[in-house]
């Protein structure tokens, strides 16, 4: 585990997690728009 932490700094992991979270929220928002649009 220490080898992985040495290759990737903590700030890079935090940034990666934030990007993944924002991506999931954005994808969920698009999915919600398509679901509402399909029902109308």
N, C-alpha and C. Protein backbone atom coordinates (compact mmCIF):
# COMPACT_ATOMS: atom_id res chain seq x y z
N UNK A 1 0.83 -1.20 0.00
CA UNK A 1 0.00 0.00 0.00
C UNK A 1 0.87 1.26 0.00
N UNK A 2 2.01 1.17 0.65
CA UNK A 2 2.89 2.35 0.70
C UNK A 2 3.48 2.64 -0.67
N UNK A 3 3.70 1.62 -1.47
CA UNK A 3 4.26 1.84 -2.81
C UNK A 3 3.29 2.64 -3.68
N UNK A 4 2.00 2.31 -3.58
CA UNK A 4 1.00 3.03 -4.37
C UNK A 4 0.91 4.48 -3.91
N UNK A 5 0.95 4.69 -2.60
CA UNK A 5 0.85 6.05 -2.07
C UNK A 5 2.06 6.89 -2.47
N UNK A 6 3.22 6.24 -2.61
CA UNK A 6 4.42 6.99 -3.01
C UNK A 6 4.34 7.38 -4.48
N UNK A 7 3.75 6.53 -5.32
CA UNK A 7 3.65 6.84 -6.75
C UNK A 7 2.62 7.93 -7.01
N UNK A 8 1.50 7.89 -6.27
CA UNK A 8 0.44 8.87 -6.46
C UNK A 8 0.27 9.69 -5.18
N UNK A 9 0.47 11.00 -5.26
CA UNK A 9 0.29 11.85 -4.07
C UNK A 9 -1.16 11.87 -3.61
N UNK A 10 -1.37 12.26 -2.35
CA UNK A 10 -2.72 12.30 -1.78
C UNK A 10 -3.61 13.29 -2.53
N UNK A 11 -3.03 14.41 -2.97
CA UNK A 11 -3.83 15.42 -3.67
C UNK A 11 -4.38 14.88 -4.98
N UNK A 12 -3.59 14.01 -5.64
CA UNK A 12 -4.05 13.43 -6.91
C UNK A 12 -5.22 12.49 -6.67
N UNK A 13 -5.17 11.71 -5.57
CA UNK A 13 -6.28 10.81 -5.23
C UNK A 13 -7.53 11.59 -4.92
N UNK A 14 -7.39 12.70 -4.15
CA UNK A 14 -8.56 13.53 -3.81
C UNK A 14 -9.17 14.11 -5.08
N UNK A 15 -8.33 14.60 -5.98
CA UNK A 15 -8.81 15.18 -7.23
C UNK A 15 -9.52 14.12 -8.07
N UNK A 16 -8.97 12.90 -8.09
CA UNK A 16 -9.57 11.82 -8.87
C UNK A 16 -10.95 11.46 -8.31
N UNK A 17 -11.06 11.38 -6.99
CA UNK A 17 -12.34 11.06 -6.36
C UNK A 17 -13.37 12.15 -6.66
N UNK A 18 -12.93 13.42 -6.61
CA UNK A 18 -13.85 14.52 -6.89
C UNK A 18 -14.34 14.45 -8.33
N UNK A 19 -13.40 14.18 -9.28
CA UNK A 19 -13.80 14.08 -10.69
C UNK A 19 -14.80 12.96 -10.91
N UNK A 20 -14.56 11.80 -10.26
CA UNK A 20 -15.47 10.66 -10.41
C UNK A 20 -16.85 11.00 -9.83
N UNK A 21 -16.87 11.66 -8.66
CA UNK A 21 -18.14 12.03 -8.03
C UNK A 21 -18.90 13.01 -8.91
N UNK A 22 -18.22 14.04 -9.41
CA UNK A 22 -18.88 15.04 -10.27
C UNK A 22 -19.37 14.38 -11.55
N UNK A 23 -18.59 13.47 -12.10
CA UNK A 23 -19.00 12.75 -13.32
C UNK A 23 -20.26 11.94 -13.10
N UNK A 24 -20.33 11.27 -11.94
CA UNK A 24 -21.52 10.47 -11.64
C UNK A 24 -22.75 11.36 -11.44
N UNK A 25 -22.57 12.49 -10.77
CA UNK A 25 -23.69 13.41 -10.57
C UNK A 25 -24.18 13.95 -11.92
N UNK A 26 -23.24 14.32 -12.79
CA UNK A 26 -23.60 14.85 -14.11
C UNK A 26 -24.31 13.79 -14.95
N UNK A 27 -23.79 12.54 -14.90
CA UNK A 27 -24.42 11.45 -15.65
C UNK A 27 -25.81 11.16 -15.11
N UNK A 28 -25.97 11.22 -13.79
CA UNK A 28 -27.29 10.99 -13.19
C UNK A 28 -28.26 12.09 -13.59
N UNK A 29 -27.77 13.32 -13.68
CA UNK A 29 -28.62 14.43 -14.09
C UNK A 29 -29.08 14.26 -15.53
N UNK A 30 -28.16 13.86 -16.42
CA UNK A 30 -28.53 13.61 -17.81
C UNK A 30 -29.54 12.48 -17.91
N UNK A 31 -29.32 11.40 -17.13
CA UNK A 31 -30.24 10.26 -17.14
C UNK A 31 -31.63 10.70 -16.68
N UNK A 32 -31.66 11.57 -15.66
CA UNK A 32 -32.94 12.06 -15.15
C UNK A 32 -33.66 12.89 -16.21
N UNK A 33 -32.92 13.71 -16.95
CA UNK A 33 -33.53 14.50 -18.01
C UNK A 33 -34.14 13.60 -19.08
N UNK A 34 -33.41 12.54 -19.47
CA UNK A 34 -33.92 11.62 -20.49
C UNK A 34 -35.13 10.85 -19.98
N UNK A 35 -35.13 10.48 -18.70
CA UNK A 35 -36.27 9.76 -18.13
C UNK A 35 -37.51 10.64 -18.13
N UNK A 36 -37.37 11.91 -17.71
CA UNK A 36 -38.51 12.83 -17.69
C UNK A 36 -38.97 13.12 -19.11
N UNK A 37 -38.02 13.27 -20.01
CA UNK A 37 -38.37 13.56 -21.42
C UNK A 37 -39.07 12.38 -22.07
N UNK A 38 -38.71 11.16 -21.70
CA UNK A 38 -39.32 9.97 -22.31
C UNK A 38 -40.75 9.77 -21.83
N UNK A 39 -41.03 10.19 -20.59
CA UNK A 39 -42.38 9.99 -20.04
C UNK A 39 -43.37 11.00 -20.61
N UNK A 40 -42.88 12.15 -21.07
CA UNK A 40 -43.81 13.15 -21.61
C UNK A 40 -44.16 12.85 -23.06
